[in-house]
Amino acid sequence: MADEEKKDSSGGKMKLILLALGVVVLLIAVGVAAYLVGNKSAGRVEVGATDSLAQNRENTTIGPMVNINDFIINILDKNETRYLKAAITIELHNPETAVEVTERMAQIRDAILLLIGNKTFAELSDLQGKLQLRAEIIARLNKILTKGKIKGIYFTEFVVQ
């Protein structure tokens, strides 16, 4: 009977050793996979950073900036009443455009209010939606302006409730 207990305990120890060895091999495989995936994504970031640096070199000059006061706008939502509070700064190509923007501020605010008022909460809640809104505002305002163009739009405040 003592011989049977020795066989069972040595067989149990062998299973435990094999299980531990399997866990170690699995952890090593996961670590290697994570390292390789990390290197691939790091390479992508470096390429993106290079593109971004090249783009920044082209846009090193900052154009005139015009602030647009806070907006509080009703946005569309089926279930609730939602509001957006936003403040925007517009970057322009030249100083002459800044004068025109100041003169046409009522038209500019109206165009932005109408555009944002037709957006839903879902459209404005993620980064892609905000970037899309930025592009739409630039396109809409460039249709209004005659003496120059808008170089960029910056949301200095953006709160959706």
N, C-alpha and C. Protein backbone atom coordinates (compact mmCIF):
# COMPACT_ATOMS: atom_id res chain seq x y z
N MET A 1 0.81 -1.17 0.00
CA MET A 1 0.00 0.00 0.00
C MET A 1 0.86 1.25 0.00
N ALA A 2 2.02 1.18 0.69
CA ALA A 2 2.95 2.31 0.71
C ALA A 2 3.51 2.55 -0.68
N ASP A 3 3.71 1.47 -1.46
CA ASP A 3 4.22 1.60 -2.81
C ASP A 3 3.20 2.33 -3.71
N GLU A 4 1.91 2.05 -3.52
CA GLU A 4 0.88 2.71 -4.32
C GLU A 4 0.81 4.20 -4.02
N GLU A 5 0.98 4.58 -2.72
CA GLU A 5 0.94 5.99 -2.36
C GLU A 5 2.11 6.74 -2.98
N LYS A 6 3.31 6.10 -3.04
CA LYS A 6 4.47 6.74 -3.65
C LYS A 6 4.22 6.96 -5.14
N LYS A 7 3.60 5.98 -5.82
CA LYS A 7 3.32 6.11 -7.24
C LYS A 7 2.31 7.24 -7.49
N ASP A 8 1.25 7.29 -6.66
CA ASP A 8 0.24 8.33 -6.83
C ASP A 8 0.82 9.71 -6.56
N SER A 9 1.65 9.85 -5.53
CA SER A 9 2.21 11.16 -5.22
C SER A 9 3.24 11.58 -6.26
N SER A 10 4.01 10.65 -6.80
CA SER A 10 4.97 11.02 -7.84
C SER A 10 4.25 11.32 -9.14
N GLY A 11 3.16 10.64 -9.44
CA GLY A 11 2.35 10.93 -10.62
C GLY A 11 1.66 12.28 -10.49
N GLY A 12 1.19 12.62 -9.29
CA GLY A 12 0.56 13.91 -9.03
C GLY A 12 1.57 15.04 -9.13
N LYS A 13 2.80 14.77 -8.64
CA LYS A 13 3.85 15.79 -8.74
C LYS A 13 4.22 16.02 -10.20
N MET A 14 4.23 14.96 -10.98
CA MET A 14 4.58 15.07 -12.39
C MET A 14 3.52 15.90 -13.13
N LYS A 15 2.24 15.67 -12.83
CA LYS A 15 1.18 16.45 -13.45
C LYS A 15 1.29 17.93 -13.07
N LEU A 16 1.61 18.20 -11.80
CA LEU A 16 1.76 19.57 -11.33
C LEU A 16 2.93 20.26 -12.03
N ILE A 17 4.04 19.55 -12.20
CA ILE A 17 5.22 20.11 -12.89
C ILE A 17 4.89 20.40 -14.35
N LEU A 18 4.20 19.47 -15.03
CA LEU A 18 3.81 19.67 -16.42
C LEU A 18 2.84 20.85 -16.56
N LEU A 19 1.91 20.98 -15.64
CA LEU A 19 0.97 22.09 -15.66
C LEU A 19 1.71 23.42 -15.47
N ALA A 20 2.63 23.47 -14.52
CA ALA A 20 3.40 24.69 -14.28
C ALA A 20 4.25 25.02 -15.51
N LEU A 21 4.86 24.01 -16.13
CA LEU A 21 5.66 24.22 -17.33
C LEU A 21 4.80 24.75 -18.47
N GLY A 22 3.59 24.23 -18.60
CA GLY A 22 2.67 24.70 -19.63
C GLY A 22 2.28 26.16 -19.41
N VAL A 23 2.05 26.54 -18.17
CA VAL A 23 1.70 27.93 -17.84
C VAL A 23 2.86 28.85 -18.18
N VAL A 24 4.09 28.45 -17.85
CA VAL A 24 5.26 29.28 -18.15
C VAL A 24 5.42 29.45 -19.66
N VAL A 25 5.25 28.37 -20.43
CA VAL A 25 5.37 28.45 -21.89
C VAL A 25 4.28 29.37 -22.44
N LEU A 26 3.08 29.28 -21.91
CA LEU A 26 1.98 30.14 -22.36
C LEU A 26 2.29 31.61 -22.05
N LEU A 27 2.79 31.90 -20.89
CA LEU A 27 3.14 33.28 -20.53
C LEU A 27 4.24 33.83 -21.43
N ILE A 28 5.22 33.01 -21.74
CA ILE A 28 6.29 33.44 -22.64
C ILE A 28 5.72 33.74 -24.03
N ALA A 29 4.82 32.88 -24.52
CA ALA A 29 4.22 33.10 -25.84
C ALA A 29 3.41 34.40 -25.86
N VAL A 30 2.65 34.65 -24.82
CA VAL A 30 1.86 35.88 -24.74
C VAL A 30 2.80 37.09 -24.69
N GLY A 31 3.88 36.99 -23.93
CA GLY A 31 4.83 38.10 -23.83
C GLY A 31 5.48 38.40 -25.17
N VAL A 32 5.87 37.37 -25.90
CA VAL A 32 6.49 37.55 -27.22
C VAL A 32 5.48 38.17 -28.19
N ALA A 33 4.25 37.70 -28.16
CA ALA A 33 3.22 38.25 -29.05
C ALA A 33 2.96 39.72 -28.73
N ALA A 34 2.89 40.05 -27.44
CA ALA A 34 2.67 41.45 -27.05
C ALA A 34 3.85 42.32 -27.48
N TYR A 35 5.05 41.82 -27.37
CA TYR A 35 6.23 42.57 -27.78
C TYR A 35 6.19 42.85 -29.30
N LEU A 36 5.86 41.82 -30.07
CA LEU A 36 5.81 41.99 -31.52
C LEU A 36 4.70 42.95 -31.94
N VAL A 37 3.53 42.84 -31.34
CA VAL A 37 2.43 43.75 -31.66
C VAL A 37 2.81 45.16 -31.25
N GLY A 38 3.45 45.31 -30.11
CA GLY A 38 3.89 46.63 -29.64
C GLY A 38 4.87 47.27 -30.60
N ASN A 39 5.79 46.51 -31.13
CA ASN A 39 6.76 47.05 -32.09
C ASN A 39 6.08 47.50 -33.38
N LYS A 40 5.09 46.73 -33.85
CA LYS A 40 4.39 47.11 -35.07
C LYS A 40 3.63 48.41 -34.87
N SER A 41 2.91 48.55 -33.74
CA SER A 41 2.15 49.78 -33.50
C SER A 41 3.09 50.94 -33.24
N ALA A 42 4.24 50.72 -32.62
CA ALA A 42 5.21 51.80 -32.41
C ALA A 42 5.75 52.29 -33.74
N GLY A 43 5.94 51.38 -34.68
CA GLY A 43 6.40 51.78 -36.01
C GLY A 43 5.38 52.65 -36.70
N ARG A 44 4.09 52.34 -36.51
CA ARG A 44 3.04 53.15 -37.10
C ARG A 44 3.00 54.53 -36.49
N VAL A 45 3.21 54.61 -35.19
CA VAL A 45 3.20 55.91 -34.53
C VAL A 45 4.35 56.76 -35.04
N GLU A 46 5.52 56.15 -35.24
CA GLU A 46 6.66 56.91 -35.72
C GLU A 46 6.40 57.45 -37.12
N VAL A 47 5.77 56.66 -37.98
CA VAL A 47 5.46 57.13 -39.33
C VAL A 47 4.47 58.29 -39.24
N GLY A 48 3.44 58.14 -38.40
CA GLY A 48 2.47 59.20 -38.21
C GLY A 48 3.12 60.45 -37.64
N ALA A 49 4.06 60.26 -36.72
CA ALA A 49 4.75 61.41 -36.14
C ALA A 49 5.60 62.11 -37.19
N THR A 50 6.20 61.35 -38.08
CA THR A 50 6.99 61.95 -39.15
C THR A 50 6.10 62.77 -40.08
N ASP A 51 4.93 62.22 -40.44
CA ASP A 51 3.99 62.96 -41.27
C ASP A 51 3.53 64.22 -40.56
N SER A 52 3.27 64.10 -39.27
CA SER A 52 2.81 65.25 -38.49
C SER A 52 3.89 66.33 -38.43
N LEU A 53 5.15 65.92 -38.27
CA LEU A 53 6.24 66.90 -38.23
C LEU A 53 6.37 67.62 -39.56
N ALA A 54 6.24 66.89 -40.65
CA ALA A 54 6.32 67.52 -41.97
C ALA A 54 5.17 68.50 -42.16
N GLN A 55 4.00 68.12 -41.68
CA GLN A 55 2.85 69.00 -41.80
C GLN A 55 3.03 70.25 -40.93
N ASN A 56 3.58 70.08 -39.74
CA ASN A 56 3.81 71.22 -38.85
C ASN A 56 4.82 72.19 -39.43
N ARG A 57 5.82 71.70 -40.14
CA ARG A 57 6.80 72.59 -40.76
C ARG A 57 6.13 73.50 -41.79
N GLU A 58 5.15 72.95 -42.51
CA GLU A 58 4.44 73.74 -43.51
C GLU A 58 3.54 74.78 -42.85
N ASN A 59 3.00 74.47 -41.69
CA ASN A 59 2.05 75.35 -41.02
C ASN A 59 2.67 76.04 -39.80
N THR A 60 3.91 76.44 -39.88
CA THR A 60 4.56 77.04 -38.73
C THR A 60 4.07 78.44 -38.45
N THR A 61 3.60 79.15 -39.45
CA THR A 61 3.10 80.49 -39.21
C THR A 61 1.65 80.41 -38.74
N ILE A 62 1.40 81.11 -37.68
CA ILE A 62 0.06 81.14 -37.12
C ILE A 62 -0.64 82.37 -37.64
N GLY A 63 -1.82 82.16 -38.18
CA GLY A 63 -2.59 83.28 -38.72
C GLY A 63 -3.31 84.04 -37.62
N PRO A 64 -3.94 85.12 -38.00
CA PRO A 64 -4.72 85.89 -37.02
C PRO A 64 -5.82 85.02 -36.42
N MET A 65 -6.09 85.23 -35.12
CA MET A 65 -7.11 84.45 -34.42
C MET A 65 -8.27 85.36 -34.03
N VAL A 66 -9.47 84.83 -34.19
CA VAL A 66 -10.68 85.55 -33.78
C VAL A 66 -11.48 84.60 -32.89
N ASN A 67 -11.81 85.08 -31.68
CA ASN A 67 -12.62 84.28 -30.75
C ASN A 67 -14.09 84.52 -31.02
N ILE A 68 -14.83 83.43 -30.94
CA ILE A 68 -16.29 83.52 -31.01
C ILE A 68 -16.79 83.17 -29.62
N ASN A 69 -17.61 84.06 -29.06
CA ASN A 69 -18.11 83.86 -27.70
C ASN A 69 -18.85 82.54 -27.57
N ASP A 70 -19.09 82.17 -26.31
CA ASP A 70 -19.76 80.90 -26.02
C ASP A 70 -21.09 80.75 -26.76
N PHE A 71 -21.34 79.50 -27.17
CA PHE A 71 -22.63 79.11 -27.73
C PHE A 71 -23.29 78.19 -26.72
N ILE A 72 -24.57 78.31 -26.56
CA ILE A 72 -25.36 77.29 -25.87
C ILE A 72 -26.46 76.92 -26.85
N ILE A 73 -26.41 75.65 -27.29
CA ILE A 73 -27.24 75.21 -28.41
C ILE A 73 -27.99 73.94 -28.02
N ASN A 74 -29.28 73.88 -28.35
CA ASN A 74 -30.03 72.63 -28.22
C ASN A 74 -29.56 71.69 -29.31
N ILE A 75 -29.28 70.45 -28.93
CA ILE A 75 -28.94 69.44 -29.93
C ILE A 75 -30.01 68.35 -29.90
N LEU A 76 -30.09 67.62 -30.97
CA LEU A 76 -31.14 66.62 -31.15
C LEU A 76 -30.87 65.37 -30.32
N ASP A 77 -31.93 64.90 -29.66
CA ASP A 77 -31.87 63.64 -28.95
C ASP A 77 -33.32 63.17 -28.78
N LYS A 78 -33.57 61.90 -29.05
CA LYS A 78 -34.94 61.38 -29.00
C LYS A 78 -35.48 61.31 -27.58
N ASN A 79 -34.61 61.00 -26.62
CA ASN A 79 -35.08 60.73 -25.27
C ASN A 79 -35.01 61.92 -24.32
N GLU A 80 -34.05 62.80 -24.50
CA GLU A 80 -33.82 63.87 -23.54
C GLU A 80 -33.58 65.19 -24.26
N THR A 81 -33.63 66.26 -23.47
CA THR A 81 -33.22 67.57 -23.97
C THR A 81 -31.73 67.68 -23.70
N ARG A 82 -30.97 67.93 -24.73
CA ARG A 82 -29.51 68.01 -24.60
C ARG A 82 -29.04 69.37 -25.07
N TYR A 83 -27.93 69.81 -24.48
CA TYR A 83 -27.35 71.10 -24.82
C TYR A 83 -25.87 70.95 -25.09
N LEU A 84 -25.38 71.82 -25.92
CA LEU A 84 -23.95 71.92 -26.16
C LEU A 84 -23.52 73.33 -25.80
N LYS A 85 -22.50 73.41 -24.98
CA LYS A 85 -21.88 74.70 -24.70
C LYS A 85 -20.50 74.64 -25.33
N ALA A 86 -20.24 75.57 -26.24
CA ALA A 86 -18.97 75.55 -26.97
C ALA A 86 -18.46 76.96 -27.15
N ALA A 87 -17.15 77.07 -27.16
CA ALA A 87 -16.47 78.31 -27.53
C ALA A 87 -15.50 77.94 -28.64
N ILE A 88 -15.37 78.81 -29.61
CA ILE A 88 -14.57 78.51 -30.80
C ILE A 88 -13.61 79.65 -31.05
N THR A 89 -12.40 79.29 -31.48
CA THR A 89 -11.44 80.27 -31.98
C THR A 89 -11.16 79.92 -33.43
N ILE A 90 -11.21 80.92 -34.27
CA ILE A 90 -11.00 80.73 -35.71
C ILE A 90 -9.62 81.27 -36.07
N GLU A 91 -8.84 80.46 -36.77
CA GLU A 91 -7.54 80.91 -37.29
C GLU A 91 -7.73 81.25 -38.77
N LEU A 92 -7.24 82.42 -39.14
CA LEU A 92 -7.44 82.94 -40.49
C LEU A 92 -6.12 83.01 -41.25
N HIS A 93 -6.21 83.12 -42.57
CA HIS A 93 -5.00 83.20 -43.39
C HIS A 93 -4.35 84.58 -43.36
N ASN A 94 -5.16 85.63 -43.28
CA ASN A 94 -4.57 86.97 -43.33
C ASN A 94 -5.36 87.96 -42.48
N PRO A 95 -4.78 89.09 -42.13
CA PRO A 95 -5.46 90.07 -41.28
C PRO A 95 -6.71 90.67 -41.92
N GLU A 96 -6.75 90.77 -43.24
CA GLU A 96 -7.93 91.31 -43.90
C GLU A 96 -9.16 90.44 -43.62
N THR A 97 -8.94 89.15 -43.53
CA THR A 97 -10.04 88.23 -43.25
C THR A 97 -10.56 88.45 -41.83
N ALA A 98 -9.69 88.82 -40.91
CA ALA A 98 -10.11 89.08 -39.53
C ALA A 98 -11.11 90.23 -39.48
N VAL A 99 -10.87 91.25 -40.29
CA VAL A 99 -11.80 92.39 -40.35
C VAL A 99 -13.15 91.92 -40.89
N GLU A 100 -13.13 91.11 -41.93
CA GLU A 100 -14.37 90.60 -42.51
C GLU A 100 -15.12 89.71 -41.52
N VAL A 101 -14.39 88.87 -40.79
CA VAL A 101 -15.03 87.99 -39.80
C VAL A 101 -15.73 88.84 -38.74
N THR A 102 -15.07 89.89 -38.30
CA THR A 102 -15.68 90.77 -37.29
C THR A 102 -16.94 91.42 -37.84
N GLU A 103 -16.89 91.86 -39.08
CA GLU A 103 -18.06 92.49 -39.70
C GLU A 103 -19.21 91.51 -39.90
N ARG A 104 -18.90 90.26 -40.19
CA ARG A 104 -19.92 89.25 -40.49
C ARG A 104 -20.18 88.31 -39.30
N MET A 105 -19.86 88.73 -38.10
CA MET A 105 -19.98 87.85 -36.93
C MET A 105 -21.40 87.32 -36.76
N ALA A 106 -22.41 88.13 -37.03
CA ALA A 106 -23.79 87.66 -36.89
C ALA A 106 -24.07 86.52 -37.87
N GLN A 107 -23.61 86.64 -39.10
CA GLN A 107 -23.79 85.57 -40.10
C GLN A 107 -23.02 84.31 -39.70
N ILE A 108 -21.83 84.51 -39.18
CA ILE A 108 -21.00 83.37 -38.79
C ILE A 108 -21.64 82.62 -37.62
N ARG A 109 -22.07 83.36 -36.61
CA ARG A 109 -22.72 82.71 -35.46
C ARG A 109 -23.99 81.99 -35.90
N ASP A 110 -24.78 82.60 -36.77
CA ASP A 110 -26.00 81.99 -37.27
C ASP A 110 -25.69 80.68 -38.00
N ALA A 111 -24.69 80.71 -38.87
CA ALA A 111 -24.33 79.50 -39.62
C ALA A 111 -23.89 78.37 -38.68
N ILE A 112 -23.13 78.71 -37.66
CA ILE A 112 -22.66 77.70 -36.71
C ILE A 112 -23.83 77.17 -35.88
N LEU A 113 -24.71 78.06 -35.42
CA LEU A 113 -25.87 77.64 -34.64
C LEU A 113 -26.77 76.70 -35.42
N LEU A 114 -27.03 77.02 -36.67
CA LEU A 114 -27.88 76.17 -37.49
C LEU A 114 -27.23 74.81 -37.76
N LEU A 115 -25.94 74.82 -37.99
CA LEU A 115 -25.23 73.57 -38.26
C LEU A 115 -25.23 72.66 -37.03
N ILE A 116 -24.84 73.20 -35.89
CA ILE A 116 -24.74 72.37 -34.68
C ILE A 116 -26.13 71.97 -34.18
N GLY A 117 -27.12 72.83 -34.37
CA GLY A 117 -28.47 72.52 -33.91
C GLY A 117 -29.09 71.32 -34.61
N ASN A 118 -28.56 70.93 -35.75
CA ASN A 118 -29.06 69.76 -36.47
C ASN A 118 -28.25 68.51 -36.20
N LYS A 119 -27.32 68.58 -35.25
CA LYS A 119 -26.52 67.41 -34.88
C LYS A 119 -27.17 66.68 -33.72
N THR A 120 -26.93 65.38 -33.65
CA THR A 120 -27.43 64.59 -32.53
C THR A 120 -26.34 64.41 -31.49
N PHE A 121 -26.76 64.00 -30.31
CA PHE A 121 -25.81 63.73 -29.24
C PHE A 121 -24.80 62.68 -29.67
N ALA A 122 -25.27 61.65 -30.34
CA ALA A 122 -24.38 60.56 -30.79
C ALA A 122 -23.31 61.08 -31.76
N GLU A 123 -23.69 62.03 -32.61
CA GLU A 123 -22.73 62.57 -33.57
C GLU A 123 -21.65 63.42 -32.91
N LEU A 124 -21.97 64.04 -31.79
CA LEU A 124 -21.03 64.95 -31.14
C LEU A 124 -20.29 64.33 -29.96
N SER A 125 -20.61 63.10 -29.61
CA SER A 125 -20.04 62.53 -28.40
C SER A 125 -18.68 61.88 -28.59
N ASP A 126 -18.26 61.61 -29.81
CA ASP A 126 -16.95 60.98 -29.99
C ASP A 126 -16.01 61.88 -30.80
N LEU A 127 -14.76 61.51 -30.84
CA LEU A 127 -13.73 62.31 -31.51
C LEU A 127 -14.03 62.47 -32.99
N GLN A 128 -14.45 61.41 -33.65
CA GLN A 128 -14.73 61.48 -35.08
C GLN A 128 -15.83 62.49 -35.37
N GLY A 129 -16.85 62.53 -34.53
CA GLY A 129 -17.93 63.48 -34.70
C GLY A 129 -17.47 64.93 -34.54
N LYS A 130 -16.59 65.15 -33.59
CA LYS A 130 -16.06 66.51 -33.38
C LYS A 130 -15.18 66.94 -34.55
N LEU A 131 -14.38 66.02 -35.06
CA LEU A 131 -13.55 66.35 -36.22
C LEU A 131 -14.41 66.63 -37.45
N GLN A 132 -15.47 65.86 -37.61
CA GLN A 132 -16.40 66.08 -38.72
C GLN A 132 -17.08 67.44 -38.58
N LEU A 133 -17.47 67.78 -37.36
CA LEU A 133 -18.10 69.09 -37.11
C LEU A 133 -17.13 70.21 -37.44
N ARG A 134 -15.89 70.05 -37.05
CA ARG A 134 -14.87 71.06 -37.35
C ARG A 134 -14.76 71.29 -38.86
N ALA A 135 -14.70 70.20 -39.62
CA ALA A 135 -14.59 70.31 -41.08
C ALA A 135 -15.83 70.98 -41.68
N GLU A 136 -17.00 70.64 -41.16
CA GLU A 136 -18.23 71.24 -41.68
C GLU A 136 -18.31 72.73 -41.37
N ILE A 137 -17.85 73.12 -40.19
CA ILE A 137 -17.86 74.55 -39.83
C ILE A 137 -16.92 75.32 -40.75
N ILE A 138 -15.73 74.78 -40.98
CA ILE A 138 -14.77 75.45 -41.87
C ILE A 138 -15.37 75.61 -43.27
N ALA A 139 -15.97 74.55 -43.81
CA ALA A 139 -16.57 74.62 -45.15
C ALA A 139 -17.70 75.64 -45.19
N ARG A 140 -18.55 75.63 -44.19
CA ARG A 140 -19.69 76.55 -44.17
C ARG A 140 -19.23 78.00 -44.06
N LEU A 141 -18.24 78.27 -43.19
CA LEU A 141 -17.79 79.65 -43.02
C LEU A 141 -17.00 80.14 -44.22
N ASN A 142 -16.27 79.27 -44.87
CA ASN A 142 -15.53 79.68 -46.07
C ASN A 142 -16.47 80.07 -47.20
N LYS A 143 -17.69 79.55 -47.21
CA LYS A 143 -18.69 79.97 -48.21
C LYS A 143 -19.16 81.39 -47.95
N ILE A 144 -19.16 81.79 -46.68
CA ILE A 144 -19.62 83.13 -46.31
C ILE A 144 -18.55 84.18 -46.60
N LEU A 145 -17.29 83.85 -46.34
CA LEU A 145 -16.21 84.84 -46.45
C LEU A 145 -15.83 85.09 -47.91
N THR A 146 -15.47 86.35 -48.21
CA THR A 146 -15.07 86.71 -49.58
C THR A 146 -13.64 87.22 -49.67
N LYS A 147 -13.07 87.72 -48.56
CA LYS A 147 -11.74 88.33 -48.59
C LYS A 147 -10.63 87.39 -48.14
N GLY A 148 -10.95 86.18 -47.82
CA GLY A 148 -9.95 85.23 -47.37
C GLY A 148 -10.62 83.95 -46.91
N LYS A 149 -9.83 83.08 -46.36
CA LYS A 149 -10.34 81.78 -45.94
C LYS A 149 -9.95 81.50 -44.50
N ILE A 150 -10.65 80.53 -43.92
CA ILE A 150 -10.35 80.07 -42.58
C ILE A 150 -9.29 78.99 -42.66
N LYS A 151 -8.27 79.14 -41.85
CA LYS A 151 -7.17 78.19 -41.83
C LYS A 151 -7.46 77.04 -40.87
N GLY A 152 -8.14 77.33 -39.78
CA GLY A 152 -8.44 76.29 -38.80
C GLY A 152 -9.49 76.73 -37.81
N ILE A 153 -10.10 75.74 -37.17
CA ILE A 153 -11.09 75.97 -36.12
C ILE A 153 -10.58 75.25 -34.88
N TYR A 154 -10.65 75.92 -33.75
CA TYR A 154 -10.23 75.31 -32.49
C TYR A 154 -11.36 75.43 -31.48
N PHE A 155 -11.77 74.29 -30.94
CA PHE A 155 -12.78 74.30 -29.88
C PHE A 155 -12.05 74.58 -28.58
N THR A 156 -12.29 75.73 -28.00
CA THR A 156 -11.64 76.05 -26.73
C THR A 156 -12.51 75.64 -25.55
N GLU A 157 -13.76 75.31 -25.82
CA GLU A 157 -14.67 74.77 -24.83
C GLU A 157 -15.68 73.91 -25.57
N PHE A 158 -15.98 72.73 -25.03
CA PHE A 158 -16.92 71.82 -25.71
C PHE A 158 -17.53 70.93 -24.65
N VAL A 159 -18.73 71.26 -24.19
CA VAL A 159 -19.39 70.49 -23.14
C VAL A 159 -20.78 70.11 -23.64
N VAL A 160 -21.07 68.81 -23.65
CA VAL A 160 -22.38 68.31 -24.04
C VAL A 160 -23.05 67.78 -22.79
N GLN A 161 -24.29 68.23 -22.57
CA GLN A 161 -25.01 67.78 -21.38
C GLN A 161 -26.37 67.27 -21.78
